[in-house]
PDB file of N, CA and C in Angstrom:
ATOM      1  N   UNK A   1      55.235 167.218 123.244  1.00  0.00           N
ATOM      2  CA  UNK A   1      55.445 168.616 122.922  1.00  0.00           C
ATOM      3  C   UNK A   1      55.627 168.740 121.421  1.00  0.00           C
ATOM      4  N   UNK A   2      54.952 169.670 120.787  1.00  0.00           N
ATOM      5  CA  UNK A   2      55.121 169.852 119.354  1.00  0.00           C
ATOM      6  C   UNK A   2      55.734 171.220 119.072  1.00  0.00           C
ATOM      7  N   UNK A   3      56.352 171.339 117.891  1.00  0.00           N
ATOM      8  CA  UNK A   3      57.056 172.552 117.525  1.00  0.00           C
ATOM      9  C   UNK A   3      56.440 173.146 116.272  1.00  0.00           C
ATOM     10  N   UNK A   4      56.428 174.479 116.154  1.00  0.00           N
ATOM     11  CA  UNK A   4      55.800 175.132 115.008  1.00  0.00           C
ATOM     12  C   UNK A   4      56.721 175.188 113.795  1.00  0.00           C
ATOM     13  N   UNK A   5      56.829 174.105 113.040  1.00  0.00           N
ATOM     14  CA  UNK A   5      57.642 174.112 111.835  1.00  0.00           C
ATOM     15  C   UNK A   5      56.737 174.329 110.632  1.00  0.00           C
ATOM     16  N   UNK A   6      57.153 175.183 109.708  1.00  0.00           N
ATOM     17  CA  UNK A   6      56.348 175.363 108.509  1.00  0.00           C
ATOM     18  C   UNK A   6      56.427 174.121 107.634  1.00  0.00           C
ATOM     19  N   UNK A   7      55.357 173.817 106.866  1.00  0.00           N
ATOM     20  CA  UNK A   7      55.381 172.647 105.995  1.00  0.00           C
ATOM     21  C   UNK A   7      56.579 172.696 105.053  1.00  0.00           C
ATOM     22  N   UNK A   8      57.240 171.570 104.915  1.00  0.00           N
ATOM     23  CA  UNK A   8      58.378 171.468 104.014  1.00  0.00           C
ATOM     24  C   UNK A   8      59.621 172.157 104.504  1.00  0.00           C
ATOM     25  N   UNK A   9      59.659 172.529 105.773  1.00  0.00           N
ATOM     26  CA  UNK A   9      60.812 173.270 106.282  1.00  0.00           C
ATOM     27  C   UNK A   9      62.045 172.412 106.438  1.00  0.00           C
ATOM     28  N   UNK A  10      61.870 171.096 106.532  1.00  0.00           N
ATOM     29  CA  UNK A  10      63.016 170.230 106.736  1.00  0.00           C
ATOM     30  C   UNK A  10      63.403 170.130 108.184  1.00  0.00           C
ATOM     31  N   UNK A  11      62.652 170.756 109.070  1.00  0.00           N
ATOM     32  CA  UNK A  11      62.938 170.692 110.499  1.00  0.00           C
ATOM     33  C   UNK A  11      62.315 169.466 111.121  1.00  0.00           C
ATOM     34  N   UNK A  12      62.268 169.423 112.411  1.00  0.00           N
ATOM     35  CA  UNK A  12      61.671 168.298 113.110  1.00  0.00           C
ATOM     36  C   UNK A  12      60.152 168.430 113.021  1.00  0.00           C
ATOM     37  N   UNK A  13      59.437 167.378 112.677  1.00  0.00           N
ATOM     38  CA  UNK A  13      57.998 167.479 112.467  1.00  0.00           C
ATOM     39  C   UNK A  13      57.226 167.722 113.750  1.00  0.00           C
ATOM     40  N   UNK A  14      56.026 168.346 113.631  1.00  0.00           N
ATOM     41  CA  UNK A  14      55.186 168.528 114.808  1.00  0.00           C
ATOM     42  C   UNK A  14      54.921 167.185 115.480  1.00  0.00           C
ATOM     43  N   UNK A  15      54.907 167.179 116.797  1.00  0.00           N
ATOM     44  CA  UNK A  15      54.648 165.961 117.550  1.00  0.00           C
ATOM     45  C   UNK A  15      55.889 165.156 117.840  1.00  0.00           C
ATOM     46  N   UNK A  16      57.049 165.590 117.316  1.00  0.00           N
ATOM     47  CA  UNK A  16      58.269 164.843 117.595  1.00  0.00           C
ATOM     48  C   UNK A  16      58.743 165.165 119.007  1.00  0.00           C
ATOM     49  N   UNK A  17      59.702 164.389 119.478  1.00  0.00           N
ATOM     50  CA  UNK A  17      60.197 164.642 120.832  1.00  0.00           C
ATOM     51  C   UNK A  17      60.952 165.954 120.872  1.00  0.00           C
ATOM     52  N   UNK A  18      61.147 166.470 122.063  1.00  0.00           N
ATOM     53  CA  UNK A  18      61.820 167.758 122.204  1.00  0.00           C
ATOM     54  C   UNK A  18      63.327 167.627 122.063  1.00  0.00           C
ATOM     55  N   UNK A  19      63.825 166.435 121.856  1.00  0.00           N
ATOM     56  CA  UNK A  19      65.257 166.233 121.703  1.00  0.00           C
ATOM     57  C   UNK A  19      65.512 165.510 120.386  1.00  0.00           C
ATOM     58  N   UNK A  20      66.448 166.019 119.573  1.00  0.00           N
ATOM     59  CA  UNK A  20      66.708 165.391 118.295  1.00  0.00           C
ATOM     60  C   UNK A  20      67.232 163.973 118.473  1.00  0.00           C
ATOM     61  N   UNK A  21      66.917 163.074 117.527  1.00  0.00           N
ATOM     62  CA  UNK A  21      67.413 161.709 117.619  1.00  0.00           C
ATOM     63  C   UNK A  21      68.934 161.683 117.676  1.00  0.00           C
ATOM     64  N   UNK A  22      69.467 160.885 118.563  1.00  0.00           N
ATOM     65  CA  UNK A  22      70.905 160.728 118.673  1.00  0.00           C
ATOM     66  C   UNK A  22      71.621 161.874 119.349  1.00  0.00           C
ATOM     67  N   UNK A  23      70.899 162.862 119.839  1.00  0.00           N
ATOM     68  CA  UNK A  23      71.552 164.001 120.475  1.00  0.00           C
ATOM     69  C   UNK A  23      71.831 163.714 121.940  1.00  0.00           C
ATOM     70  N   UNK A  24      73.060 163.996 122.332  1.00  0.00           N
ATOM     71  CA  UNK A  24      73.387 163.872 123.746  1.00  0.00           C
ATOM     72  C   UNK A  24      73.864 165.213 124.286  1.00  0.00           C
ATOM     73  N   UNK A  25      73.758 166.260 123.449  1.00  0.00           N
ATOM     74  CA  UNK A  25      74.248 167.580 123.835  1.00  0.00           C
ATOM     75  C   UNK A  25      73.298 168.312 124.771  1.00  0.00           C
ATOM     76  N   UNK A  26      72.063 167.844 124.894  1.00  0.00           N
ATOM     77  CA  UNK A  26      71.083 168.544 125.692  1.00  0.00           C
ATOM     78  C   UNK A  26      70.600 167.672 126.830  1.00  0.00           C
ATOM     79  N   UNK A  27      70.155 168.281 127.903  1.00  0.00           N
ATOM     80  CA  UNK A  27      69.630 167.510 129.028  1.00  0.00           C
ATOM     81  C   UNK A  27      68.338 166.810 128.650  1.00  0.00           C
ATOM     82  N   UNK A  28      67.918 165.804 129.425  1.00  0.00           N
ATOM     83  CA  UNK A  28      66.698 165.077 129.104  1.00  0.00           C
ATOM     84  C   UNK A  28      65.474 165.972 128.958  1.00  0.00           C
ATOM     85  N   UNK A  29      65.483 167.151 129.537  1.00  0.00           N
ATOM     86  CA  UNK A  29      64.348 168.068 129.451  1.00  0.00           C
ATOM     87  C   UNK A  29      64.171 168.706 128.091  1.00  0.00           C
ATOM     88  N   UNK A  30      65.149 168.591 127.200  1.00  0.00           N
ATOM     89  CA  UNK A  30      65.020 169.145 125.859  1.00  0.00           C
ATOM     90  C   UNK A  30      65.998 170.263 125.580  1.00  0.00           C
ATOM     91  N   UNK A  31      65.623 171.122 124.634  1.00  0.00           N
ATOM     92  CA  UNK A  31      66.493 172.201 124.189  1.00  0.00           C
ATOM     93  C   UNK A  31      66.650 173.291 125.231  1.00  0.00           C
ATOM     94  N   UNK A  32      67.754 174.028 125.150  1.00  0.00           N
ATOM     95  CA  UNK A  32      67.928 175.186 126.028  1.00  0.00           C
ATOM     96  C   UNK A  32      66.837 176.216 125.760  1.00  0.00           C
ATOM     97  N   UNK A  33      66.576 177.084 126.717  1.00  0.00           N
ATOM     98  CA  UNK A  33      65.545 178.116 126.502  1.00  0.00           C
ATOM     99  C   UNK A  33      66.014 179.135 125.470  1.00  0.00           C
ATOM    100  N   UNK A  34      65.079 179.911 124.923  1.00  0.00           N
ATOM    101  CA  UNK A  34      65.454 180.960 123.968  1.00  0.00           C
ATOM    102  C   UNK A  34      66.194 182.083 124.686  1.00  0.00           C
ATOM    103  N   UNK A  35      66.819 182.971 123.928  1.00  0.00           N
ATOM    104  CA  UNK A  35      67.473 184.120 124.559  1.00  0.00           C
ATOM    105  C   UNK A  35      66.451 184.946 125.341  1.00  0.00           C
ATOM    106  N   UNK A  36      66.899 185.614 126.360  1.00  0.00           N
ATOM    107  CA  UNK A  36      66.001 186.433 127.173  1.00  0.00           C
ATOM    108  C   UNK A  36      65.929 187.872 126.673  1.00  0.00           C
ATOM    109  N   UNK A  37      66.663 188.172 125.605  1.00  0.00           N
ATOM    110  CA  UNK A  37      66.669 189.518 125.019  1.00  0.00           C
ATOM    111  C   UNK A  37      66.407 189.413 123.522  1.00  0.00           C
ATOM    112  N   UNK A  38      65.924 190.490 122.903  1.00  0.00           N
ATOM    113  CA  UNK A  38      65.729 190.467 121.449  1.00  0.00           C
ATOM    114  C   UNK A  38      67.069 190.469 120.717  1.00  0.00           C
ATOM    115  N   UNK A  39      67.059 190.188 119.414  1.00  0.00           N
ATOM    116  CA  UNK A  39      68.306 190.230 118.639  1.00  0.00           C
ATOM    117  C   UNK A  39      68.759 191.671 118.449  1.00  0.00           C
ATOM    118  N   UNK A  40      69.957 191.869 117.896  1.00  0.00           N
ATOM    119  CA  UNK A  40      70.398 193.243 117.621  1.00  0.00           C
ATOM    120  C   UNK A  40      69.386 193.988 116.758  1.00  0.00           C
ATOM    121  N   UNK A  41      69.301 195.276 116.938  1.00  0.00           N
ATOM    122  CA  UNK A  41      68.331 196.065 116.177  1.00  0.00           C
ATOM    123  C   UNK A  41      68.807 196.336 114.755  1.00  0.00           C
ATOM    124  N   UNK A  42      70.102 196.259 114.528  1.00  0.00           N
ATOM    125  CA  UNK A  42      70.649 196.507 113.189  1.00  0.00           C
ATOM    126  C   UNK A  42      70.565 195.244 112.345  1.00  0.00           C
ATOM    127  N   UNK A  43      69.946 195.347 111.182  1.00  0.00           N
ATOM    128  CA  UNK A  43      69.873 194.238 110.228  1.00  0.00           C
ATOM    129  C   UNK A  43      71.148 194.291 109.384  1.00  0.00           C
ATOM    130  N   UNK A  44      71.904 193.193 109.311  1.00  0.00           N
ATOM    131  CA  UNK A  44      73.123 193.223 108.506  1.00  0.00           C
ATOM    132  C   UNK A  44      72.811 193.333 107.015  1.00  0.00           C
ATOM    133  N   UNK A  45      73.755 193.852 106.265  1.00  0.00           N
ATOM    134  CA  UNK A  45      73.604 193.956 104.819  1.00  0.00           C
ATOM    135  C   UNK A  45      73.642 192.568 104.205  1.00  0.00           C
ATOM    136  N   UNK A  46      72.835 192.382 103.176  1.00  0.00           N
ATOM    137  CA  UNK A  46      72.820 191.101 102.470  1.00  0.00           C
ATOM    138  C   UNK A  46      74.145 190.915 101.738  1.00  0.00           C
ATOM    139  N   UNK A  47      74.574 189.676 101.596  1.00  0.00           N
ATOM    140  CA  UNK A  47      75.795 189.418 100.820  1.00  0.00           C
ATOM    141  C   UNK A  47      75.650 189.983  99.412  1.00  0.00           C
ATOM    142  N   UNK A  48      76.738 190.413  98.827  1.00  0.00           N
ATOM    143  CA  UNK A  48      76.680 191.086  97.521  1.00  0.00           C
ATOM    144  C   UNK A  48      76.241 190.170  96.389  1.00  0.00           C
ATOM    145  N   UNK A  49      76.640 188.919  96.432  1.00  0.00           N
ATOM    146  CA  UNK A  49      76.229 188.022  95.344  1.00  0.00           C
ATOM    147  C   UNK A  49      75.878 186.657  95.909  1.00  0.00           C
ATOM    148  N   UNK A  50      74.589 186.377  95.992  1.00  0.00           N
ATOM    149  CA  UNK A  50      74.146 185.088  96.499  1.00  0.00           C
ATOM    150  C   UNK A  50      74.629 183.950  95.603  1.00  0.00           C
ATOM    151  N   UNK A  51      74.759 184.194  94.294  1.00  0.00           N
ATOM    152  CA  UNK A  51      75.117 183.144  93.355  1.00  0.00           C
ATOM    153  C   UNK A  51      76.493 182.536  93.595  1.00  0.00           C
ATOM    154  N   UNK A  52      77.376 183.259  94.270  1.00  0.00           N
ATOM    155  CA  UNK A  52      78.726 182.771  94.491  1.00  0.00           C
ATOM    156  C   UNK A  52      78.917 182.229  95.907  1.00  0.00           C
ATOM    157  N   UNK A  53      77.847 182.052  96.639  1.00  0.00           N
ATOM    158  CA  UNK A  53      77.947 181.548  98.000  1.00  0.00           C
ATOM    159  C   UNK A  53      78.256 180.060  97.990  1.00  0.00           C
ATOM    160  N   UNK A  54      78.994 179.621  99.007  1.00  0.00           N
ATOM    161  CA  UNK A  54      79.275 178.206  99.154  1.00  0.00           C
ATOM    162  C   UNK A  54      78.067 177.499  99.743  1.00  0.00           C
ATOM    163  N   UNK A  55      78.028 176.190  99.590  1.00  0.00           N
ATOM    164  CA  UNK A  55      76.955 175.389 100.163  1.00  0.00           C
ATOM    165  C   UNK A  55      77.010 175.495 101.686  1.00  0.00           C
ATOM    166  N   UNK A  56      75.852 175.670 102.300  1.00  0.00           N
ATOM    167  CA  UNK A  56      75.782 175.742 103.751  1.00  0.00           C
ATOM    168  C   UNK A  56      75.746 174.316 104.283  1.00  0.00           C
ATOM    169  N   UNK A  57      76.663 173.985 105.172  1.00  0.00           N
ATOM    170  CA  UNK A  57      76.650 172.652 105.778  1.00  0.00           C
ATOM    171  C   UNK A  57      76.768 172.798 107.283  1.00  0.00           C
ATOM    172  N   UNK A  58      76.628 171.685 107.981  1.00  0.00           N
ATOM    173  CA  UNK A  58      76.606 171.755 109.445  1.00  0.00           C
ATOM    174  C   UNK A  58      77.912 172.284 110.016  1.00  0.00           C
ATOM    175  N   UNK A  59      79.027 171.987 109.366  1.00  0.00           N
ATOM    176  CA  UNK A  59      80.302 172.490 109.857  1.00  0.00           C
ATOM    177  C   UNK A  59      80.374 174.003 109.814  1.00  0.00           C
ATOM    178  N   UNK A  60      79.836 174.585 108.740  1.00  0.00           N
ATOM    179  CA  UNK A  60      79.878 176.039 108.621  1.00  0.00           C
ATOM    180  C   UNK A  60      78.914 176.705 109.594  1.00  0.00           C
ATOM    181  N   UNK A  61      77.862 175.998 109.977  1.00  0.00           N
ATOM    182  CA  UNK A  61      76.858 176.589 110.872  1.00  0.00           C
ATOM    183  C   UNK A  61      77.222 176.419 112.351  1.00  0.00           C
ATOM    184  N   UNK A  62      78.051 175.443 112.681  1.00  0.00           N
ATOM    185  CA  UNK A  62      78.357 175.173 114.100  1.00  0.00           C
ATOM    186  C   UNK A  62      78.954 176.356 114.831  1.00  0.00           C
ATOM    187  N   UNK A  63      79.718 177.186 114.150  1.00  0.00           N
ATOM    188  CA  UNK A  63      80.304 178.359 114.784  1.00  0.00           C
ATOM    189  C   UNK A  63      79.274 179.385 115.221  1.00  0.00           C
ATOM    190  N   UNK A  64      78.046 179.233 114.754  1.00  0.00           N
ATOM    191  CA  UNK A  64      76.982 180.176 115.103  1.00  0.00           C
ATOM    192  C   UNK A  64      76.043 179.642 116.179  1.00  0.00           C
ATOM    193  N   UNK A  65      76.277 178.431 116.661  1.00  0.00           N
ATOM    194  CA  UNK A  65      75.408 177.892 117.709  1.00  0.00           C
ATOM    195  C   UNK A  65      75.432 178.798 118.931  1.00  0.00           C
ATOM    196  N   UNK A  66      74.255 179.062 119.469  1.00  0.00           N
ATOM    197  CA  UNK A  66      74.071 179.892 120.663  1.00  0.00           C
ATOM    198  C   UNK A  66      74.537 181.334 120.455  1.00  0.00           C
ATOM    199  N   UNK A  67      74.420 181.806 119.218  1.00  0.00           N
ATOM    200  CA  UNK A  67      74.763 183.189 118.884  1.00  0.00           C
ATOM    201  C   UNK A  67      73.647 183.770 118.020  1.00  0.00           C
ATOM    202  N   UNK A  68      73.436 185.082 118.114  1.00  0.00           N
ATOM    203  CA  UNK A  68      72.475 185.733 117.237  1.00  0.00           C
ATOM    204  C   UNK A  68      72.983 185.590 115.803  1.00  0.00           C
ATOM    205  N   UNK A  69      72.125 185.081 114.939  1.00  0.00           N
ATOM    206  CA  UNK A  69      72.506 184.772 113.563  1.00  0.00           C
ATOM    207  C   UNK A  69      71.450 185.325 112.621  1.00  0.00           C
ATOM    208  N   UNK A  70      71.888 186.040 111.604  1.00  0.00           N
ATOM    209  CA  UNK A  70      70.940 186.515 110.602  1.00  0.00           C
ATOM    210  C   UNK A  70      71.030 185.580 109.415  1.00  0.00           C
ATOM    211  N   UNK A  71      69.864 185.108 108.934  1.00  0.00           N
ATOM    212  CA  UNK A  71      69.783 184.084 107.900  1.00  0.00           C
ATOM    213  C   UNK A  71      69.064 184.632 106.673  1.00  0.00           C
ATOM    214  N   UNK A  72      69.606 184.356 105.486  1.00  0.00           N
ATOM    215  CA  UNK A  72      68.961 184.663 104.222  1.00  0.00           C
ATOM    216  C   UNK A  72      68.607 183.331 103.564  1.00  0.00           C
ATOM    217  N   UNK A  73      67.331 183.171 103.192  1.00  0.00           N
ATOM    218  CA  UNK A  73      66.868 181.939 102.565  1.00  0.00           C
ATOM    219  C   UNK A  73      66.855 182.069 101.045  1.00  0.00           C
ATOM    220  N   UNK A  74      66.833 180.935 100.371  1.00  0.00           N
ATOM    221  CA  UNK A  74      66.790 180.903  98.902  1.00  0.00           C
ATOM    222  C   UNK A  74      65.530 181.564  98.349  1.00  0.00           C
ATOM    223  N   UNK A  75      64.437 181.574  99.130  1.00  0.00           N
ATOM    224  CA  UNK A  75      63.184 182.178  98.651  1.00  0.00           C
ATOM    225  C   UNK A  75      63.154 183.698  98.836  1.00  0.00           C
ATOM    226  N   UNK A  76      64.256 184.289  99.312  1.00  0.00           N
ATOM    227  CA  UNK A  76      64.337 185.737  99.471  1.00  0.00           C
ATOM    228  C   UNK A  76      64.015 186.239 100.867  1.00  0.00           C
ATOM    229  N   UNK A  77      63.466 185.396 101.712  1.00  0.00           N
ATOM    230  CA  UNK A  77      63.159 185.813 103.083  1.00  0.00           C
ATOM    231  C   UNK A  77      64.430 185.839 103.926  1.00  0.00           C
ATOM    232  N   UNK A  78      64.380 186.633 104.982  1.00  0.00           N
ATOM    233  CA  UNK A  78      65.507 186.709 105.914  1.00  0.00           C
ATOM    234  C   UNK A  78      64.968 186.987 107.310  1.00  0.00           C
ATOM    235  N   UNK A  79      65.734 186.602 108.328  1.00  0.00           N
ATOM    236  CA  UNK A  79      65.270 186.754 109.703  1.00  0.00           C
ATOM    237  C   UNK A  79      66.413 186.512 110.689  1.00  0.00           C
ATOM    238  N   UNK A  80      66.171 186.966 111.929  1.00  0.00           N
ATOM    239  CA  UNK A  80      67.082 186.671 113.031  1.00  0.00           C
ATOM    240  C   UNK A  80      66.789 185.271 113.549  1.00  0.00           C
ATOM    241  N   UNK A  81      67.847 184.563 113.877  1.00  0.00           N
ATOM    242  CA  UNK A  81      67.741 183.180 114.315  1.00  0.00           C
ATOM    243  C   UNK A  81      68.753 182.957 115.438  1.00  0.00           C
ATOM    244  N   UNK A  82      68.419 182.099 116.377  1.00  0.00           N
ATOM    245  CA  UNK A  82      69.315 181.743 117.480  1.00  0.00           C
ATOM    246  C   UNK A  82      69.427 180.215 117.465  1.00  0.00           C
ATOM    247  N   UNK A  83      70.391 179.654 116.704  1.00  0.00           N
ATOM    248  CA  UNK A  83      70.482 178.195 116.569  1.00  0.00           C
ATOM    249  C   UNK A  83      71.001 177.524 117.836  1.00  0.00           C
ATOM    250  N   UNK A  84      70.404 176.376 118.170  1.00  0.00           N
ATOM    251  CA  UNK A  84      70.834 175.605 119.342  1.00  0.00           C
ATOM    252  C   UNK A  84      71.191 174.165 118.986  1.00  0.00           C
ATOM    253  N   UNK A  85      70.892 173.733 117.752  1.00  0.00           N
ATOM    254  CA  UNK A  85      71.191 172.370 117.333  1.00  0.00           C
ATOM    255  C   UNK A  85      71.375 172.340 115.830  1.00  0.00           C
ATOM    256  N   UNK A  86      72.387 171.611 115.373  1.00  0.00           N
ATOM    257  CA  UNK A  86      72.567 171.423 113.943  1.00  0.00           C
ATOM    258  C   UNK A  86      72.856 169.949 113.692  1.00  0.00           C
ATOM    259  N   UNK A  87      72.165 169.389 112.702  1.00  0.00           N
ATOM    260  CA  UNK A  87      72.403 168.001 112.306  1.00  0.00           C
ATOM    261  C   UNK A  87      73.062 168.016 110.929  1.00  0.00           C
ATOM    262  N   UNK A  88      73.148 166.874 110.307  1.00  0.00           N
ATOM    263  CA  UNK A  88      73.762 166.776 108.985  1.00  0.00           C
ATOM    264  C   UNK A  88      72.999 167.600 107.946  1.00  0.00           C
ATOM    265  N   UNK A  89      71.667 167.686 108.081  1.00  0.00           N
ATOM    266  CA  UNK A  89      70.856 168.351 107.056  1.00  0.00           C
ATOM    267  C   UNK A  89      69.949 169.460 107.577  1.00  0.00           C
ATOM    268  N   UNK A  90      69.827 169.612 108.884  1.00  0.00           N
ATOM    269  CA  UNK A  90      68.902 170.610 109.435  1.00  0.00           C
ATOM    270  C   UNK A  90      69.557 171.434 110.536  1.00  0.00           C
ATOM    271  N   UNK A  91      68.924 172.552 110.823  1.00  0.00           N
ATOM    272  CA  UNK A  91      69.320 173.384 111.954  1.00  0.00           C
ATOM    273  C   UNK A  91      68.036 173.743 112.705  1.00  0.00           C
ATOM    274  N   UNK A  92      68.119 173.772 114.025  1.00  0.00           N
ATOM    275  CA  UNK A  92      66.963 174.107 114.857  1.00  0.00           C
ATOM    276  C   UNK A  92      67.380 175.130 115.895  1.00  0.00           C
ATOM    277  N   UNK A  93      66.429 175.921 116.293  1.00  0.00           N
ATOM    278  CA  UNK A  93      66.681 176.939 117.296  1.00  0.00           C
ATOM    279  C   UNK A  93      65.464 177.822 117.440  1.00  0.00           C
ATOM    280  N   UNK A  94      65.699 179.096 117.612  1.00  0.00           N
ATOM    281  CA  UNK A  94      64.617 180.038 117.843  1.00  0.00           C
ATOM    282  C   UNK A  94      64.677 181.153 116.795  1.00  0.00           C
ATOM    283  N   UNK A  95      63.518 181.423 116.196  1.00  0.00           N
ATOM    284  CA  UNK A  95      63.388 182.473 115.182  1.00  0.00           C
ATOM    285  C   UNK A  95      62.676 183.664 115.808  1.00  0.00           C
ATOM    286  N   UNK A  96      63.199 184.848 115.580  1.00  0.00           N
ATOM    287  CA  UNK A  96      62.583 186.079 116.097  1.00  0.00           C
ATOM    288  C   UNK A  96      61.441 186.476 115.178  1.00  0.00           C
ATOM    289  N   UNK A  97      60.238 186.650 115.723  1.00  0.00           N
ATOM    290  CA  UNK A  97      59.081 187.012 114.907  1.00  0.00           C
ATOM    291  C   UNK A  97      58.758 188.505 114.988  1.00  0.00           C
ATOM    292  N   UNK A  98      59.630 189.276 115.597  1.00  0.00           N
ATOM    293  CA  UNK A  98      59.403 190.709 115.761  1.00  0.00           C
ATOM    294  C   UNK A  98      58.956 191.079 117.161  1.00  0.00           C
ATOM    295  N   UNK A  99      58.510 190.056 117.925  1.00  0.00           N
ATOM    296  CA  UNK A  99      58.028 190.288 119.287  1.00  0.00           C
ATOM    297  C   UNK A  99      58.613 189.301 120.293  1.00  0.00           C
ATOM    298  N   UNK A 100      58.824 188.073 119.846  1.00  0.00           N
ATOM    299  CA  UNK A 100      59.299 187.016 120.740  1.00  0.00           C
ATOM    300  C   UNK A 100      60.039 185.955 119.933  1.00  0.00           C
ATOM    301  N   UNK A 101      60.729 185.078 120.636  1.00  0.00           N
ATOM    302  CA  UNK A 101      61.426 183.964 119.994  1.00  0.00           C
ATOM    303  C   UNK A 101      60.480 182.774 119.896  1.00  0.00           C
ATOM    304  N   UNK A 102      60.434 182.113 118.730  1.00  0.00           N
ATOM    305  CA  UNK A 102      59.629 180.917 118.530  1.00  0.00           C
ATOM    306  C   UNK A 102      60.532 179.789 118.067  1.00  0.00           C
ATOM    307  N   UNK A 103      60.288 178.589 118.597  1.00  0.00           N
ATOM    308  CA  UNK A 103      61.072 177.442 118.192  1.00  0.00           C
ATOM    309  C   UNK A 103      60.867 177.190 116.701  1.00  0.00           C
ATOM    310  N   UNK A 104      61.961 176.872 115.987  1.00  0.00           N
ATOM    311  CA  UNK A 104      61.901 176.784 114.534  1.00  0.00           C
ATOM    312  C   UNK A 104      63.020 175.881 114.034  1.00  0.00           C
ATOM    313  N   UNK A 105      62.776 175.199 112.947  1.00  0.00           N
ATOM    314  CA  UNK A 105      63.804 174.383 112.325  1.00  0.00           C
ATOM    315  C   UNK A 105      63.675 174.429 110.824  1.00  0.00           C
ATOM    316  N   UNK A 106      64.786 174.267 110.119  1.00  0.00           N
ATOM    317  CA  UNK A 106      64.729 174.253 108.674  1.00  0.00           C
ATOM    318  C   UNK A 106      65.896 173.471 108.101  1.00  0.00           C
ATOM    319  N   UNK A 107      65.744 173.087 106.855  1.00  0.00           N
ATOM    320  CA  UNK A 107      66.795 172.353 106.149  1.00  0.00           C
ATOM    321  C   UNK A 107      67.929 173.308 105.801  1.00  0.00           C
ATOM    322  N   UNK A 108      69.150 172.846 105.956  1.00  0.00           N
ATOM    323  CA  UNK A 108      70.307 173.674 105.632  1.00  0.00           C
ATOM    324  C   UNK A 108      70.322 174.071 104.158  1.00  0.00           C
ATOM    325  N   UNK A 109      69.784 173.221 103.281  1.00  0.00           N
ATOM    326  CA  UNK A 109      69.810 173.542 101.848  1.00  0.00           C
ATOM    327  C   UNK A 109      68.854 174.671 101.471  1.00  0.00           C
ATOM    328  N   UNK A 110      68.025 175.131 102.392  1.00  0.00           N
ATOM    329  CA  UNK A 110      67.155 176.293 102.138  1.00  0.00           C
ATOM    330  C   UNK A 110      67.879 177.603 102.419  1.00  0.00           C
ATOM    331  N   UNK A 111      69.031 177.540 103.081  1.00  0.00           N
ATOM    332  CA  UNK A 111      69.775 178.737 103.476  1.00  0.00           C
ATOM    333  C   UNK A 111      70.786 179.069 102.386  1.00  0.00           C
ATOM    334  N   UNK A 112      70.771 180.322 101.934  1.00  0.00           N
ATOM    335  CA  UNK A 112      71.733 180.740 100.941  1.00  0.00           C
ATOM    336  C   UNK A 112      72.934 181.409 101.609  1.00  0.00           C
ATOM    337  N   UNK A 113      72.714 182.068 102.738  1.00  0.00           N
ATOM    338  CA  UNK A 113      73.793 182.730 103.460  1.00  0.00           C
ATOM    339  C   UNK A 113      73.373 183.021 104.883  1.00  0.00           C
ATOM    340  N   UNK A 114      74.358 183.257 105.755  1.00  0.00           N
ATOM    341  CA  UNK A 114      74.078 183.616 107.141  1.00  0.00           C
ATOM    342  C   UNK A 114      75.291 184.307 107.720  1.00  0.00           C
ATOM    343  N   UNK A 115      75.055 185.059 108.765  1.00  0.00           N
ATOM    344  CA  UNK A 115      76.149 185.687 109.497  1.00  0.00           C
ATOM    345  C   UNK A 115      75.758 185.722 110.959  1.00  0.00           C
ATOM    346  N   UNK A 116      76.741 185.489 111.832  1.00  0.00           N
ATOM    347  CA  UNK A 116      76.425 185.482 113.264  1.00  0.00           C
ATOM    348  C   UNK A 116      77.272 186.480 114.026  1.00  0.00           C
ATOM    349  N   UNK A 117      76.769 186.858 115.199  1.00  0.00           N
ATOM    350  CA  UNK A 117      77.389 187.903 116.011  1.00  0.00           C
ATOM    351  C   UNK A 117      77.700 187.395 117.393  1.00  0.00           C
TER     352      UNK A 117
END
């Protein structure tokens, strides 16, 4: 099974197994399914000053696992995300594309800020 990760995303590469190395949090079948509903319709306000944000690490992201999370990236993009796994350097889950949830992963150092609901 392969996953649609953008080049250089820092996520799990296409063709990798459906379960992260060393993970025992998920059943042998792989990751949990995506949410069955879309994310909230309200887009949260961006943080007032990205320059003063703390480094995003796995500890700060764990509280958002299995919750609707809005993510702002260093490149200026933002999107709804439903994280299901976080490692030391990456986070994986489902990204809302406006119509459906797609499996997605990225490096934590690409995230400038996030908020979860």
